[in-house]
Structures are given as structure tokens and as C-alpha cells.
Amino acid sequence: LDVSGSMNGLIDSAKLKLWEIVNELARLKPTPDLRVALYSYGHDTYTPQSGWVRKEVDLTADLDEVYKALNGLRTNGGTELV
């Protein structure tokens, strides 16, 4: 998820859309073995060594954990360097 300043006013819609996709995948039949990871980019504190990207949540089947992390992300007025 882009958390740079260019997402001001758009980040909530992006979070909703991402979560809609996760829910759609979870409802498939037969039920998939769904694992989701969450990465963010565009925050000024992310380092060049990490490619200006941060892993928020590693691949997991715990969708509650992903949802909590996703909703905790905020824009920071950073620069999109990815």
C-alpha cells in the first residue's frame, strides 16, 4: 500500500478495495488455503536498503492480523520512491 503524501484523501478507499479483494478470495469454493502479506511504501523513514518498502505482515492465514495492520497504516506526506 502506498502511504506517501500522494495518497492523502485516497488511502481509505484503497484499504477498502484491498480488503474487498481479500474477502472475495476467502469466499471462493472450494475454500482456498488463503495466506496474505502486507507491504507498504512511500514513507520517508523507509530505507534505500529495503527498497523503500516495509513488510507490515508476513504471509499469514490470520486475516484479523492483516486487517488490523492494514487499518493502522496512515499517509505520512512521504515521497514515493518505489
PDB file of N, CA and C in Angstrom:
ATOM      1  N   LEU A   1       0.847  -1.171   0.000  1.00  0.00           N
ATOM      2  CA  LEU A   1       0.000   0.000   0.000  1.00  0.00           C
ATOM      3  C   LEU A   1       0.892   1.232   0.000  1.00  0.00           C
ATOM      4  N   ASP A   2       0.587   2.153  -0.857  1.00  0.00           N
ATOM      5  CA  ASP A   2       1.302   3.430  -0.935  1.00  0.00           C
ATOM      6  C   ASP A   2       0.859   4.305   0.234  1.00  0.00           C
ATOM      7  N   VAL A   3       1.795   4.701   1.093  1.00  0.00           N
ATOM      8  CA  VAL A   3       1.484   5.582   2.214  1.00  0.00           C
ATOM      9  C   VAL A   3       2.143   6.952   2.042  1.00  0.00           C
ATOM     10  N   SER A   4       2.546   7.275   0.815  1.00  0.00           N
ATOM     11  CA  SER A   4       3.152   8.578   0.552  1.00  0.00           C
ATOM     12  C   SER A   4       2.073   9.657   0.553  1.00  0.00           C
ATOM     13  N   GLY A   5       2.514  10.896   0.508  1.00  0.00           N
ATOM     14  CA  GLY A   5       1.605  12.029   0.515  1.00  0.00           C
ATOM     15  C   GLY A   5       0.628  12.049  -0.643  1.00  0.00           C
ATOM     16  N   SER A   6       0.980  11.393  -1.738  1.00  0.00           N
ATOM     17  CA  SER A   6       0.071  11.386  -2.893  1.00  0.00           C
ATOM     18  C   SER A   6      -1.210  10.606  -2.605  1.00  0.00           C
ATOM     19  N   MET A   7      -1.226   9.850  -1.518  1.00  0.00           N
ATOM     20  CA  MET A   7      -2.405   9.055  -1.156  1.00  0.00           C
ATOM     21  C   MET A   7      -3.349   9.781  -0.197  1.00  0.00           C
ATOM     22  N   ASN A   8      -2.993  11.006   0.206  1.00  0.00           N
ATOM     23  CA  ASN A   8      -3.899  11.775   1.060  1.00  0.00           C
ATOM     24  C   ASN A   8      -5.270  11.841   0.392  1.00  0.00           C
ATOM     25  N   GLY A   9      -6.293  11.499   1.122  1.00  0.00           N
ATOM     26  CA  GLY A   9      -7.648  11.517   0.588  1.00  0.00           C
ATOM     27  C   GLY A   9      -8.018  10.256  -0.175  1.00  0.00           C
ATOM     28  N   LEU A  10      -7.052   9.399  -0.467  1.00  0.00           N
ATOM     29  CA  LEU A  10      -7.310   8.181  -1.237  1.00  0.00           C
ATOM     30  C   LEU A  10      -7.039   6.906  -0.458  1.00  0.00           C
ATOM     31  N   ILE A  11      -6.289   7.002   0.625  1.00  0.00           N
ATOM     32  CA  ILE A  11      -5.827   5.795   1.306  1.00  0.00           C
ATOM     33  C   ILE A  11      -6.978   4.968   1.862  1.00  0.00           C
ATOM     34  N   ASP A  12      -8.017   5.611   2.381  1.00  0.00           N
ATOM     35  CA  ASP A  12      -9.136   4.843   2.932  1.00  0.00           C
ATOM     36  C   ASP A  12      -9.833   4.034   1.851  1.00  0.00           C
ATOM     37  N   SER A  13     -10.004   4.617   0.675  1.00  0.00           N
ATOM     38  CA  SER A  13     -10.616   3.884  -0.442  1.00  0.00           C
ATOM     39  C   SER A  13      -9.732   2.721  -0.877  1.00  0.00           C
ATOM     40  N   ALA A  14      -8.429   2.933  -0.885  1.00  0.00           N
ATOM     41  CA  ALA A  14      -7.505   1.866  -1.273  1.00  0.00           C
ATOM     42  C   ALA A  14      -7.557   0.717  -0.264  1.00  0.00           C
ATOM     43  N   LYS A  15      -7.609   1.032   1.023  1.00  0.00           N
ATOM     44  CA  LYS A  15      -7.710  -0.001   2.047  1.00  0.00           C
ATOM     45  C   LYS A  15      -8.992  -0.811   1.872  1.00  0.00           C
ATOM     46  N   LEU A  16     -10.107  -0.115   1.648  1.00  0.00           N
ATOM     47  CA  LEU A  16     -11.382  -0.806   1.449  1.00  0.00           C
ATOM     48  C   LEU A  16     -11.327  -1.747   0.256  1.00  0.00           C
ATOM     49  N   LYS A  17     -10.761  -1.287  -0.840  1.00  0.00           N
ATOM     50  CA  LYS A  17     -10.685  -2.108  -2.047  1.00  0.00           C
ATOM     51  C   LYS A  17      -9.798  -3.330  -1.816  1.00  0.00           C
ATOM     52  N   LEU A  18      -8.661  -3.140  -1.175  1.00  0.00           N
ATOM     53  CA  LEU A  18      -7.783  -4.271  -0.879  1.00  0.00           C
ATOM     54  C   LEU A  18      -8.514  -5.300  -0.019  1.00  0.00           C
ATOM     55  N   TRP A  19      -9.266  -4.828   0.971  1.00  0.00           N
ATOM     56  CA  TRP A  19      -9.961  -5.761   1.847  1.00  0.00           C
ATOM     57  C   TRP A  19     -11.115  -6.457   1.130  1.00  0.00           C
ATOM     58  N   GLU A  20     -11.768  -5.770   0.209  1.00  0.00           N
ATOM     59  CA  GLU A  20     -12.802  -6.401  -0.610  1.00  0.00           C
ATOM     60  C   GLU A  20     -12.221  -7.569  -1.409  1.00  0.00           C
ATOM     61  N   ILE A  21     -11.033  -7.377  -1.945  1.00  0.00           N
ATOM     62  CA  ILE A  21     -10.371  -8.434  -2.719  1.00  0.00           C
ATOM     63  C   ILE A  21     -10.060  -9.627  -1.828  1.00  0.00           C
ATOM     64  N   VAL A  22      -9.535  -9.373  -0.630  1.00  0.00           N
ATOM     65  CA  VAL A  22      -9.227 -10.457   0.301  1.00  0.00           C
ATOM     66  C   VAL A  22     -10.502 -11.234   0.645  1.00  0.00           C
ATOM     67  N   ASN A  23     -11.576 -10.521   0.925  1.00  0.00           N
ATOM     68  CA  ASN A  23     -12.841 -11.177   1.264  1.00  0.00           C
ATOM     69  C   ASN A  23     -13.390 -11.983   0.101  1.00  0.00           C
ATOM     70  N   GLU A  24     -13.268 -11.462  -1.091  1.00  0.00           N
ATOM     71  CA  GLU A  24     -13.732 -12.192  -2.271  1.00  0.00           C
ATOM     72  C   GLU A  24     -12.961 -13.502  -2.432  1.00  0.00           C
ATOM     73  N   LEU A  25     -11.669 -13.455  -2.245  1.00  0.00           N
ATOM     74  CA  LEU A  25     -10.852 -14.670  -2.331  1.00  0.00           C
ATOM     75  C   LEU A  25     -11.217 -15.662  -1.224  1.00  0.00           C
ATOM     76  N   ALA A  26     -11.494 -15.166  -0.032  1.00  0.00           N
ATOM     77  CA  ALA A  26     -11.822 -16.034   1.097  1.00  0.00           C
ATOM     78  C   ALA A  26     -13.159 -16.748   0.903  1.00  0.00           C
ATOM     79  N   ARG A  27     -14.050 -16.175   0.102  1.00  0.00           N
ATOM     80  CA  ARG A  27     -15.371 -16.767  -0.129  1.00  0.00           C
ATOM     81  C   ARG A  27     -15.398 -17.784  -1.264  1.00  0.00           C
ATOM     82  N   LEU A  28     -14.298 -17.957  -1.965  1.00  0.00           N
ATOM     83  CA  LEU A  28     -14.274 -18.901  -3.073  1.00  0.00           C
ATOM     84  C   LEU A  28     -14.582 -20.312  -2.604  1.00  0.00           C
ATOM     85  N   LYS A  29     -15.163 -21.085  -3.489  1.00  0.00           N
ATOM     86  CA  LYS A  29     -15.444 -22.501  -3.212  1.00  0.00           C
ATOM     87  C   LYS A  29     -14.731 -23.338  -4.259  1.00  0.00           C
ATOM     88  N   PRO A  30     -14.003 -24.350  -3.923  1.00  0.00           N
ATOM     89  CA  PRO A  30     -13.717 -24.755  -2.550  1.00  0.00           C
ATOM     90  C   PRO A  30     -12.885 -23.696  -1.834  1.00  0.00           C
ATOM     91  N   THR A  31     -13.028 -23.634  -0.532  1.00  0.00           N
ATOM     92  CA  THR A  31     -12.347 -22.621   0.267  1.00  0.00           C
ATOM     93  C   THR A  31     -10.831 -22.756   0.101  1.00  0.00           C
ATOM     94  N   PRO A  32     -10.178 -21.681  -0.332  1.00  0.00           N
ATOM     95  CA  PRO A  32      -8.726 -21.761  -0.541  1.00  0.00           C
ATOM     96  C   PRO A  32      -7.951 -21.709   0.770  1.00  0.00           C
ATOM     97  N   ASP A  33      -6.734 -22.170   0.713  1.00  0.00           N
ATOM     98  CA  ASP A  33      -5.794 -22.000   1.818  1.00  0.00           C
ATOM     99  C   ASP A  33      -5.178 -20.619   1.608  1.00  0.00           C
ATOM    100  N   LEU A  34      -5.883 -19.618   2.067  1.00  0.00           N
ATOM    101  CA  LEU A  34      -5.531 -18.225   1.784  1.00  0.00           C
ATOM    102  C   LEU A  34      -4.530 -17.702   2.800  1.00  0.00           C
ATOM    103  N   ARG A  35      -3.429 -17.187   2.269  1.00  0.00           N
ATOM    104  CA  ARG A  35      -2.432 -16.506   3.089  1.00  0.00           C
ATOM    105  C   ARG A  35      -2.179 -15.151   2.451  1.00  0.00           C
ATOM    106  N   VAL A  36      -2.103 -14.125   3.274  1.00  0.00           N
ATOM    107  CA  VAL A  36      -1.972 -12.753   2.795  1.00  0.00           C
ATOM    108  C   VAL A  36      -0.794 -12.098   3.501  1.00  0.00           C
ATOM    109  N   ALA A  37      -0.062 -11.280   2.774  1.00  0.00           N
ATOM    110  CA  ALA A  37       1.008 -10.455   3.346  1.00  0.00           C
ATOM    111  C   ALA A  37       0.662  -8.998   3.062  1.00  0.00           C
ATOM    112  N   LEU A  38       1.269  -8.095   3.814  1.00  0.00           N
ATOM    113  CA  LEU A  38       1.017  -6.669   3.622  1.00  0.00           C
ATOM    114  C   LEU A  38       2.343  -5.921   3.615  1.00  0.00           C
ATOM    115  N   TYR A  39       2.542  -5.155   2.568  1.00  0.00           N
ATOM    116  CA  TYR A  39       3.729  -4.304   2.429  1.00  0.00           C
ATOM    117  C   TYR A  39       3.278  -2.869   2.239  1.00  0.00           C
ATOM    118  N   SER A  40       4.103  -1.939   2.689  1.00  0.00           N
ATOM    119  CA  SER A  40       3.824  -0.522   2.451  1.00  0.00           C
ATOM    120  C   SER A  40       5.072   0.143   1.887  1.00  0.00           C
ATOM    121  N   TYR A  41       4.850   1.251   1.222  1.00  0.00           N
ATOM    122  CA  TYR A  41       5.956   2.035   0.671  1.00  0.00           C
ATOM    123  C   TYR A  41       5.555   3.496   0.626  1.00  0.00           C
ATOM    124  N   GLY A  42       6.547   4.381   0.492  1.00  0.00           N
ATOM    125  CA  GLY A  42       6.285   5.806   0.373  1.00  0.00           C
ATOM    126  C   GLY A  42       6.433   6.575   1.668  1.00  0.00           C
ATOM    127  N   HIS A  43       6.977   5.961   2.703  1.00  0.00           N
ATOM    128  CA  HIS A  43       7.191   6.624   3.993  1.00  0.00           C
ATOM    129  C   HIS A  43       8.639   7.074   4.044  1.00  0.00           C
ATOM    130  N   ASP A  44       8.870   8.294   4.450  1.00  0.00           N
ATOM    131  CA  ASP A  44      10.235   8.845   4.449  1.00  0.00           C
ATOM    132  C   ASP A  44      11.209   8.109   5.359  1.00  0.00           C
ATOM    133  N   THR A  45      10.726   7.337   6.312  1.00  0.00           N
ATOM    134  CA  THR A  45      11.639   6.636   7.212  1.00  0.00           C
ATOM    135  C   THR A  45      12.080   5.280   6.666  1.00  0.00           C
ATOM    136  N   TYR A  46      11.504   4.828   5.567  1.00  0.00           N
ATOM    137  CA  TYR A  46      11.916   3.559   4.967  1.00  0.00           C
ATOM    138  C   TYR A  46      13.260   3.767   4.289  1.00  0.00           C
ATOM    139  N   THR A  47      14.109   2.767   4.350  1.00  0.00           N
ATOM    140  CA  THR A  47      15.494   2.924   3.909  1.00  0.00           C
ATOM    141  C   THR A  47      15.715   2.470   2.467  1.00  0.00           C
ATOM    142  N   PRO A  48      16.738   3.040   1.825  1.00  0.00           N
ATOM    143  CA  PRO A  48      17.099   2.558   0.492  1.00  0.00           C
ATOM    144  C   PRO A  48      17.477   1.078   0.500  1.00  0.00           C
ATOM    145  N   GLN A  49      18.070   0.611   1.607  1.00  0.00           N
ATOM    146  CA  GLN A  49      18.472  -0.792   1.706  1.00  0.00           C
ATOM    147  C   GLN A  49      17.268  -1.727   1.614  1.00  0.00           C
ATOM    148  N   SER A  50      16.101  -1.252   2.043  1.00  0.00           N
ATOM    149  CA  SER A  50      14.886  -2.063   1.970  1.00  0.00           C
ATOM    150  C   SER A  50      14.122  -1.798   0.679  1.00  0.00           C
ATOM    151  N   GLY A  51      14.696  -0.961  -0.184  1.00  0.00           N
ATOM    152  CA  GLY A  51      13.997  -0.597  -1.412  1.00  0.00           C
ATOM    153  C   GLY A  51      12.859   0.367  -1.137  1.00  0.00           C
ATOM    154  N   TRP A  52      12.939   1.065  -0.006  1.00  0.00           N
ATOM    155  CA  TRP A  52      11.907   1.995   0.435  1.00  0.00           C
ATOM    156  C   TRP A  52      10.571   1.291   0.664  1.00  0.00           C
ATOM    157  N   VAL A  53      10.653   0.009   0.982  1.00  0.00           N
ATOM    158  CA  VAL A  53       9.466  -0.820   1.214  1.00  0.00           C
ATOM    159  C   VAL A  53       9.586  -1.432   2.604  1.00  0.00           C
ATOM    160  N   ARG A  54       8.428  -1.597   3.281  1.00  0.00           N
ATOM    161  CA  ARG A  54       8.438  -2.242   4.591  1.00  0.00           C
ATOM    162  C   ARG A  54       7.387  -3.349   4.617  1.00  0.00           C
ATOM    163  N   LYS A  55       7.799  -4.503   5.112  1.00  0.00           N
ATOM    164  CA  LYS A  55       6.853  -5.596   5.298  1.00  0.00           C
ATOM    165  C   LYS A  55       6.105  -5.344   6.599  1.00  0.00           C
ATOM    166  N   GLU A  56       4.808  -5.133   6.496  1.00  0.00           N
ATOM    167  CA  GLU A  56       3.977  -4.901   7.672  1.00  0.00           C
ATOM    168  C   GLU A  56       3.572  -6.228   8.310  1.00  0.00           C
ATOM    169  N   VAL A  57       3.194  -7.189   7.471  1.00  0.00           N
ATOM    170  CA  VAL A  57       2.772  -8.511   7.943  1.00  0.00           C
ATOM    171  C   VAL A  57       3.299  -9.545   6.958  1.00  0.00           C
ATOM    172  N   ASP A  58       3.991 -10.547   7.474  1.00  0.00           N
ATOM    173  CA  ASP A  58       4.463 -11.654   6.645  1.00  0.00           C
ATOM    174  C   ASP A  58       3.262 -12.498   6.209  1.00  0.00           C
ATOM    175  N   LEU A  59       3.460 -13.351   5.224  1.00  0.00           N
ATOM    176  CA  LEU A  59       2.371 -14.222   4.783  1.00  0.00           C
ATOM    177  C   LEU A  59       1.744 -14.930   5.974  1.00  0.00           C
ATOM    178  N   THR A  60       0.421 -14.821   6.084  1.00  0.00           N
ATOM    179  CA  THR A  60      -0.285 -15.405   7.210  1.00  0.00           C
ATOM    180  C   THR A  60      -1.713 -15.752   6.816  1.00  0.00           C
ATOM    181  N   ALA A  61      -2.270 -16.701   7.508  1.00  0.00           N
ATOM    182  CA  ALA A  61      -3.692 -17.040   7.349  1.00  0.00           C
ATOM    183  C   ALA A  61      -4.538 -16.266   8.349  1.00  0.00           C
ATOM    184  N   ASP A  62      -3.905 -15.519   9.245  1.00  0.00           N
ATOM    185  CA  ASP A  62      -4.603 -14.732  10.263  1.00  0.00           C
ATOM    186  C   ASP A  62      -5.071 -13.414   9.643  1.00  0.00           C
ATOM    187  N   LEU A  63      -6.254 -13.449   9.057  1.00  0.00           N
ATOM    188  CA  LEU A  63      -6.766 -12.265   8.367  1.00  0.00           C
ATOM    189  C   LEU A  63      -7.082 -11.131   9.329  1.00  0.00           C
ATOM    190  N   ASP A  64      -7.368 -11.439  10.580  1.00  0.00           N
ATOM    191  CA  ASP A  64      -7.587 -10.380  11.571  1.00  0.00           C
ATOM    192  C   ASP A  64      -6.312  -9.560  11.776  1.00  0.00           C
ATOM    193  N   GLU A  65      -5.174 -10.243  11.788  1.00  0.00           N
ATOM    194  CA  GLU A  65      -3.885  -9.551  11.940  1.00  0.00           C
ATOM    195  C   GLU A  65      -3.634  -8.624  10.750  1.00  0.00           C
ATOM    196  N   VAL A  66      -3.909  -9.116   9.560  1.00  0.00           N
ATOM    197  CA  VAL A  66      -3.704  -8.309   8.353  1.00  0.00           C
ATOM    198  C   VAL A  66      -4.646  -7.114   8.357  1.00  0.00           C
ATOM    199  N   TYR A  67      -5.900  -7.345   8.714  1.00  0.00           N
ATOM    200  CA  TYR A  67      -6.891  -6.267   8.749  1.00  0.00           C
ATOM    201  C   TYR A  67      -6.473  -5.179   9.731  1.00  0.00           C
ATOM    202  N   LYS A  68      -6.007  -5.575  10.903  1.00  0.00           N
ATOM    203  CA  LYS A  68      -5.562  -4.611  11.915  1.00  0.00           C
ATOM    204  C   LYS A  68      -4.377  -3.791  11.403  1.00  0.00           C
ATOM    205  N   ALA A  69      -3.405  -4.457  10.800  1.00  0.00           N
ATOM    206  CA  ALA A  69      -2.229  -3.756  10.269  1.00  0.00           C
ATOM    207  C   ALA A  69      -2.621  -2.837   9.117  1.00  0.00           C
ATOM    208  N   LEU A  70      -3.484  -3.310   8.237  1.00  0.00           N
ATOM    209  CA  LEU A  70      -3.932  -2.504   7.100  1.00  0.00           C
ATOM    210  C   LEU A  70      -4.597  -1.225   7.584  1.00  0.00           C
ATOM    211  N   ASN A  71      -5.479  -1.339   8.549  1.00  0.00           N
ATOM    212  CA  ASN A  71      -6.195  -0.164   9.037  1.00  0.00           C
ATOM    213  C   ASN A  71      -5.347   0.735   9.902  1.00  0.00           C
ATOM    214  N   GLY A  72      -4.191   0.256  10.339  1.00  0.00           N
ATOM    215  CA  GLY A  72      -3.271   1.087  11.104  1.00  0.00           C
ATOM    216  C   GLY A  72      -2.366   1.951  10.236  1.00  0.00           C
ATOM    217  N   LEU A  73      -2.324   1.676   8.936  1.00  0.00           N
ATOM    218  CA  LEU A  73      -1.456   2.452   8.044  1.00  0.00           C
ATOM    219  C   LEU A  73      -2.059   3.823   7.769  1.00  0.00           C
ATOM    220  N   ARG A  74      -1.216   4.833   7.780  1.00  0.00           N
ATOM    221  CA  ARG A  74      -1.626   6.214   7.517  1.00  0.00           C
ATOM    222  C   ARG A  74      -0.625   6.847   6.552  1.00  0.00           C
ATOM    223  N   THR A  75      -1.070   7.857   5.841  1.00  0.00           N
ATOM    224  CA  THR A  75      -0.135   8.597   4.999  1.00  0.00           C
ATOM    225  C   THR A  75       0.759   9.438   5.917  1.00  0.00           C
ATOM    226  N   ASN A  76       1.940   9.716   5.407  1.00  0.00           N
ATOM    227  CA  ASN A  76       2.900  10.475   6.206  1.00  0.00           C
ATOM    228  C   ASN A  76       3.513  11.613   5.417  1.00  0.00           C
ATOM    229  N   GLY A  77       2.920  11.945   4.295  1.00  0.00           N
ATOM    230  CA  GLY A  77       3.481  13.030   3.496  1.00  0.00           C
ATOM    231  C   GLY A  77       4.828  12.685   2.891  1.00  0.00           C
ATOM    232  N   GLY A  78       5.147  11.406   2.866  1.00  0.00           N
ATOM    233  CA  GLY A  78       6.439  10.975   2.348  1.00  0.00           C
ATOM    234  C   GLY A  78       6.527  11.073   0.828  1.00  0.00           C
ATOM    235  N   THR A  79       7.655  10.660   0.324  1.00  0.00           N
ATOM    236  CA  THR A  79       7.931  10.686  -1.099  1.00  0.00           C
ATOM    237  C   THR A  79       7.845   9.276  -1.653  1.00  0.00           C
ATOM    238  N   GLU A  80       7.161   9.134  -2.756  1.00  0.00           N
ATOM    239  CA  GLU A  80       7.054   7.804  -3.378  1.00  0.00           C
ATOM    240  C   GLU A  80       8.326   7.544  -4.159  1.00  0.00           C
ATOM    241  N   LEU A  81       9.153   6.650  -3.635  1.00  0.00           N
ATOM    242  CA  LEU A  81      10.445   6.345  -4.257  1.00  0.00           C
ATOM    243  C   LEU A  81      10.471   4.972  -4.918  1.00  0.00           C
ATOM    244  N   VAL A  82       9.381   4.259  -4.905  1.00  0.00           N
ATOM    245  CA  VAL A  82       9.334   2.906  -5.469  1.00  0.00           C
ATOM    246  C   VAL A  82       9.043   2.992  -6.951  1.00  0.00           C
TER     247      VAL A  82
END
